[in-house]
């Protein structure tokens, strides 16, 4: 009599999952997609930004600004429109150098993409392309669920110097390559920020469609306040509206442009 071997159902599930697991090559391809989704090398990019700073126990503050980007030459300009006390201030990246302009004294001050934007939990680099594949290597990857999204979680370590965060974790949705969540870490592994991108908006670029975040929520893991015995972290929300891929004049990415616009 032959004895049938019975394979436990749970083992079948494990074997099936391993057969269809994302490979190292596929994870790398998905990381390149995530990077490509943050950049628009084919055209200029403009959007209106509302940056809301939420400090526990304090009133929320709001900054309105206009963002212009020319990713193919790594240039961008941010002009602050409100509140009135900050109107006319601006940021400019040109030749890999970031400048801050204050119309109060009419001077440009050298700053960095690592510096915070107007004292919020956002960095100026959060408004620019993200070079995940170029500047980082994948240490580990796994398939996970993030809410309703099927994602690949990639754990990254910087492969170059002078990055904002030496270590990073990204939740990338498998079907479109969009980053849905990101965690930024120090070299020692201390979590510094958590960034969530709940939704994206579709914008026409010629005959194609490109996607731009609707909003980004940044939680500072180091800054906050205990209220009612419970720690509440500082948060910054960036809302992007009226996105456009219209061609802009070269002068938009120059110091004279900021000086001219701040005088209006």
Protein backbone atom coordinates (compact mmCIF):
# COMPACT_ATOMS: atom_id res chain seq x y z
CA UNK A 1 0.00 0.00 0.00
CA UNK A 2 1.32 3.42 -0.96
CA UNK A 3 1.23 6.07 1.72
CA UNK A 4 0.28 9.54 0.45
CA UNK A 5 2.39 12.38 1.70
CA UNK A 6 0.30 15.28 2.92
CA UNK A 7 1.90 18.73 2.66
CA UNK A 8 0.55 21.13 5.29
CA UNK A 9 -1.50 23.98 3.77
CA UNK A 10 0.54 26.62 5.61
CA UNK A 11 3.72 25.22 4.03
CA UNK A 12 2.14 25.49 0.57
CA UNK A 13 1.43 29.15 1.22
CA UNK A 14 5.01 29.79 2.30
CA UNK A 15 6.40 28.00 -0.76
CA UNK A 16 4.03 29.89 -3.08
CA UNK A 17 5.02 33.23 -1.56
CA UNK A 18 8.71 32.45 -1.99
CA UNK A 19 8.22 31.49 -5.65
CA UNK A 20 6.62 34.82 -6.50
CA UNK A 21 8.66 37.03 -4.14
CA UNK A 22 10.20 40.18 -5.61
CA UNK A 23 13.78 39.54 -6.71
CA UNK A 24 16.76 41.83 -6.05
CA UNK A 25 16.64 42.96 -9.67
CA UNK A 26 12.92 43.72 -9.50
CA UNK A 27 13.36 45.65 -6.26
CA UNK A 28 16.10 47.73 -7.91
CA UNK A 29 13.87 48.39 -10.92
CA UNK A 30 11.03 49.49 -8.62
CA UNK A 31 13.42 51.84 -6.77
CA UNK A 32 14.40 53.41 -10.11
CA UNK A 33 10.69 53.88 -10.89
CA UNK A 34 10.18 55.58 -7.53
CA UNK A 35 13.05 57.95 -8.32
CA UNK A 36 11.77 58.67 -11.84
CA UNK A 37 8.32 59.49 -10.47
CA UNK A 38 9.78 62.41 -8.48
CA UNK A 39 11.52 64.10 -11.44
CA UNK A 40 10.32 65.85 -14.61
CA UNK A 41 13.30 66.04 -16.94
CA UNK A 42 11.16 66.66 -20.03
CA UNK A 43 9.88 70.07 -18.97
CA UNK A 44 9.71 72.77 -16.34
CA UNK A 45 7.39 72.23 -13.40
CA UNK A 46 5.37 74.80 -11.43
CA UNK A 47 3.04 74.37 -8.46
CA UNK A 48 1.45 76.40 -5.71
CA UNK A 49 2.42 75.19 -2.24
CA UNK A 50 0.72 75.55 1.11
CA UNK A 51 2.99 74.52 3.98
CA UNK A 52 1.20 74.05 7.30
CA UNK A 53 3.30 73.74 10.45
CA UNK A 54 1.63 72.00 13.41
CA UNK A 55 3.42 72.35 16.74
CA UNK A 56 1.59 70.71 19.66
CA UNK A 57 0.07 73.26 22.01
CA UNK A 58 0.45 76.12 19.53
CA UNK A 59 -1.64 77.60 16.73
CA UNK A 60 -0.90 76.20 13.29
CA UNK A 61 1.12 78.44 10.98
CA UNK A 62 0.74 78.56 7.21
CA UNK A 63 3.19 79.54 4.48
CA UNK A 64 2.17 79.95 0.84
CA UNK A 65 4.75 79.77 -1.90
CA UNK A 66 5.25 79.26 -5.64
CA UNK A 67 7.61 76.49 -6.71
CA UNK A 68 9.40 76.43 -10.08
CA UNK A 69 11.64 73.54 -11.12
CA UNK A 70 13.84 72.69 -14.10
CA UNK A 71 15.00 69.22 -13.18
CA UNK A 72 17.17 68.58 -16.24
CA UNK A 73 19.57 71.29 -15.02
CA UNK A 74 18.98 70.78 -11.27
CA UNK A 75 17.55 74.28 -10.80
CA UNK A 76 14.61 75.37 -8.70
CA UNK A 77 13.12 78.54 -7.26
CA UNK A 78 10.71 78.96 -4.34
CA UNK A 79 9.09 82.36 -3.87
CA UNK A 80 7.15 82.94 -0.64
CA UNK A 81 3.83 84.75 -1.10
CA UNK A 82 2.41 84.69 2.46
CA UNK A 83 2.28 85.45 5.33
CA UNK A 84 2.91 89.14 4.85
CA UNK A 85 5.95 89.18 7.15
CA UNK A 86 7.71 86.62 4.93
CA UNK A 87 6.42 87.79 1.56
CA UNK A 88 9.22 88.19 -0.98
CA UNK A 89 11.62 85.79 0.67
CA UNK A 90 12.83 83.04 -1.56
CA UNK A 91 15.13 80.11 -2.25
CA UNK A 92 17.19 79.39 -5.34
CA UNK A 93 19.19 76.34 -6.32
CA UNK A 94 21.63 76.90 -9.16
CA UNK A 95 24.90 75.12 -9.94
CA UNK A 96 24.23 72.73 -7.01
CA UNK A 97 24.28 75.69 -4.60
CA UNK A 98 21.23 76.74 -2.57
CA UNK A 99 20.70 80.42 -1.76
CA UNK A 100 18.19 82.10 0.54
CA UNK A 101 17.05 85.63 -0.29
CA UNK A 102 15.65 88.06 2.28
CA UNK A 103 14.31 91.33 0.82
CA UNK A 104 14.64 93.01 4.24
CA UNK A 105 18.37 93.39 3.72
CA UNK A 106 18.50 92.57 0.01
CA UNK A 107 21.10 89.87 0.51
CA UNK A 108 21.54 86.26 -0.61
CA UNK A 109 22.75 83.86 2.05
CA UNK A 110 24.28 80.48 1.33
CA UNK A 111 22.14 77.66 2.70
CA UNK A 112 21.77 73.93 2.11
CA UNK A 113 19.23 71.45 0.81
CA UNK A 114 19.47 69.88 4.26
CA UNK A 115 18.26 73.05 5.97
CA UNK A 116 14.65 73.33 7.08
CA UNK A 117 12.15 75.32 5.04
CA UNK A 118 11.04 78.39 7.00
CA UNK A 119 11.57 76.69 10.34
CA UNK A 120 9.17 73.82 9.56
CA UNK A 121 9.84 70.08 9.65
CA UNK A 122 10.30 70.10 5.87
CA UNK A 123 13.65 70.51 4.15
CA UNK A 124 14.13 72.52 0.97
CA UNK A 125 15.13 69.21 -0.65
CA UNK A 126 11.59 67.89 -0.10
CA UNK A 127 10.46 70.17 -2.95
CA UNK A 128 13.04 68.72 -5.38
CA UNK A 129 13.61 65.35 -7.13
CA UNK A 130 14.63 62.46 -4.89
CA UNK A 131 17.60 60.38 -6.03
CA UNK A 132 16.81 57.10 -4.33
CA UNK A 133 18.47 54.80 -6.86
CA UNK A 134 21.41 57.08 -7.66
CA UNK A 135 22.46 57.80 -4.07
CA UNK A 136 21.44 54.65 -2.19
CA UNK A 137 21.91 50.89 -2.28
CA UNK A 138 19.31 48.35 -1.19
CA UNK A 139 20.23 46.43 1.95
CA UNK A 140 16.98 44.48 2.29
CA UNK A 141 13.57 44.32 0.66
CA UNK A 142 10.29 42.59 1.41
CA UNK A 143 6.69 42.57 0.24
CA UNK A 144 4.30 44.22 2.70
CA UNK A 145 0.82 45.69 2.97
CA UNK A 146 0.43 49.40 3.73
CA UNK A 147 -3.26 49.97 4.21
CA UNK A 148 -4.85 48.90 0.92
CA UNK A 149 -1.56 49.14 -1.01
CA UNK A 150 0.60 46.18 -1.99
CA UNK A 151 4.09 47.54 -1.43
CA UNK A 152 7.72 46.59 -1.49
CA UNK A 153 9.56 47.85 1.57
CA UNK A 154 13.18 48.67 0.70
CA UNK A 155 15.79 49.47 3.32
CA UNK A 156 18.48 51.78 1.94
CA UNK A 157 21.97 52.90 2.90
CA UNK A 158 23.65 55.86 1.24
CA UNK A 159 26.27 54.95 -1.38
CA UNK A 160 27.54 58.54 -1.71
CA UNK A 161 28.48 61.31 0.69
CA UNK A 162 26.58 64.52 1.36
CA UNK A 163 23.05 63.09 1.46
CA UNK A 164 20.46 64.41 3.86
CA UNK A 165 19.83 61.03 5.46
CA UNK A 166 22.38 58.16 5.56
CA UNK A 167 19.67 55.54 5.92
CA UNK A 168 16.12 55.34 4.65
CA UNK A 169 13.13 53.00 4.39
CA UNK A 170 10.67 53.32 1.52
CA UNK A 171 7.25 51.74 1.03
CA UNK A 172 6.80 51.65 -2.78
CA UNK A 173 3.50 50.51 -4.26
CA UNK A 174 4.12 47.62 -6.65
CA UNK A 175 1.68 48.58 -9.40
CA UNK A 176 2.88 52.14 -10.06
CA UNK A 177 6.21 52.75 -8.32
CA UNK A 178 4.88 55.55 -6.11
CA UNK A 179 6.42 56.12 -2.70
CA UNK A 180 3.60 55.88 -0.16
CA UNK A 181 5.67 56.17 3.01
CA UNK A 182 9.26 56.99 3.89
CA UNK A 183 11.32 56.92 7.07
CA UNK A 184 14.58 58.86 7.39
CA UNK A 185 17.35 57.68 9.73
CA UNK A 186 20.70 58.84 11.05
CA UNK A 187 23.87 56.82 10.47
CA UNK A 188 23.44 55.23 13.90
CA UNK A 189 19.93 54.10 12.99
CA UNK A 190 17.93 56.69 14.93
CA UNK A 191 14.63 57.52 13.25
CA UNK A 192 14.47 61.23 12.43
CA UNK A 193 11.38 61.73 10.25
CA UNK A 194 8.41 59.88 8.84
CA UNK A 195 6.93 61.11 5.57
CA UNK A 196 3.59 59.94 4.15
CA UNK A 197 2.20 60.63 0.67
CA UNK A 198 -1.48 59.62 0.87
CA UNK A 199 -2.47 60.45 -2.72
CA UNK A 200 -1.28 61.65 -6.11
CA UNK A 201 -2.85 63.82 -8.82
CA UNK A 202 -2.58 63.17 -12.55
CA UNK A 203 -1.31 66.01 -14.77
CA UNK A 204 -1.00 66.12 -18.56
CA UNK A 205 2.50 66.41 -19.99
CA UNK A 206 2.11 66.47 -23.75
CA UNK A 207 0.39 63.24 -24.76
CA UNK A 208 1.39 61.58 -21.49
CA UNK A 209 0.19 61.72 -17.92
CA UNK A 210 2.49 62.35 -14.97
CA UNK A 211 1.66 62.11 -11.30
CA UNK A 212 2.32 64.72 -8.61
CA UNK A 213 1.65 64.34 -4.87
CA UNK A 214 -1.52 66.00 -3.63
CA UNK A 215 0.05 66.42 -0.23
CA UNK A 216 2.95 65.20 1.88
CA UNK A 217 2.77 64.81 5.65
CA UNK A 218 6.09 64.97 7.51
CA UNK A 219 6.30 63.95 11.16
CA UNK A 220 9.41 64.97 13.08
CA UNK A 221 10.37 62.07 15.34
CA UNK A 222 12.65 64.22 17.53
CA UNK A 223 10.60 67.37 18.06
CA UNK A 224 7.35 67.56 19.96
CA UNK A 225 5.73 68.16 23.32
CA UNK A 226 3.98 66.18 26.00
CA UNK A 227 0.34 67.19 26.28
CA UNK A 228 -1.86 65.43 28.80
CA UNK A 229 0.99 63.04 29.55
CA UNK A 230 1.19 61.89 25.93
CA UNK A 231 3.95 62.81 23.49
CA UNK A 232 2.74 64.61 20.38
CA UNK A 233 5.18 65.10 17.53
CA UNK A 234 5.53 68.18 15.35
CA UNK A 235 4.11 67.80 11.85
CA UNK A 236 4.35 69.66 8.59
CA UNK A 237 1.92 69.19 5.70
CA UNK A 238 2.83 70.30 2.18
CA UNK A 239 -0.15 70.70 -0.17
CA UNK A 240 0.54 71.05 -3.91
CA UNK A 241 -2.05 72.64 -6.21
CA UNK A 242 -2.29 73.98 -9.77
CA UNK A 243 0.59 71.84 -11.07
CA UNK A 244 1.81 72.80 -14.54
CA UNK A 245 4.47 71.67 -17.00
CA UNK A 246 4.54 74.89 -19.00
CA UNK A 247 7.89 76.12 -20.28
CA UNK A 248 9.38 78.97 -18.24
CA UNK A 249 11.86 81.68 -19.11
CA UNK A 250 15.47 81.01 -18.13
CA UNK A 251 15.43 84.11 -15.92
CA UNK A 252 13.09 82.37 -13.43
CA UNK A 253 16.08 80.44 -12.10
CA UNK A 254 18.28 83.46 -11.35
CA UNK A 255 18.95 85.81 -8.44
CA UNK A 256 17.62 88.88 -10.33
CA UNK A 257 14.26 87.09 -10.69
CA UNK A 258 13.90 86.70 -6.93
CA UNK A 259 14.91 90.31 -6.39
CA UNK A 260 12.39 91.50 -8.97
CA UNK A 261 9.49 89.38 -7.69
CA UNK A 262 10.10 90.27 -4.05
CA UNK A 263 9.79 93.97 -4.89
CA UNK A 264 6.23 93.55 -6.17
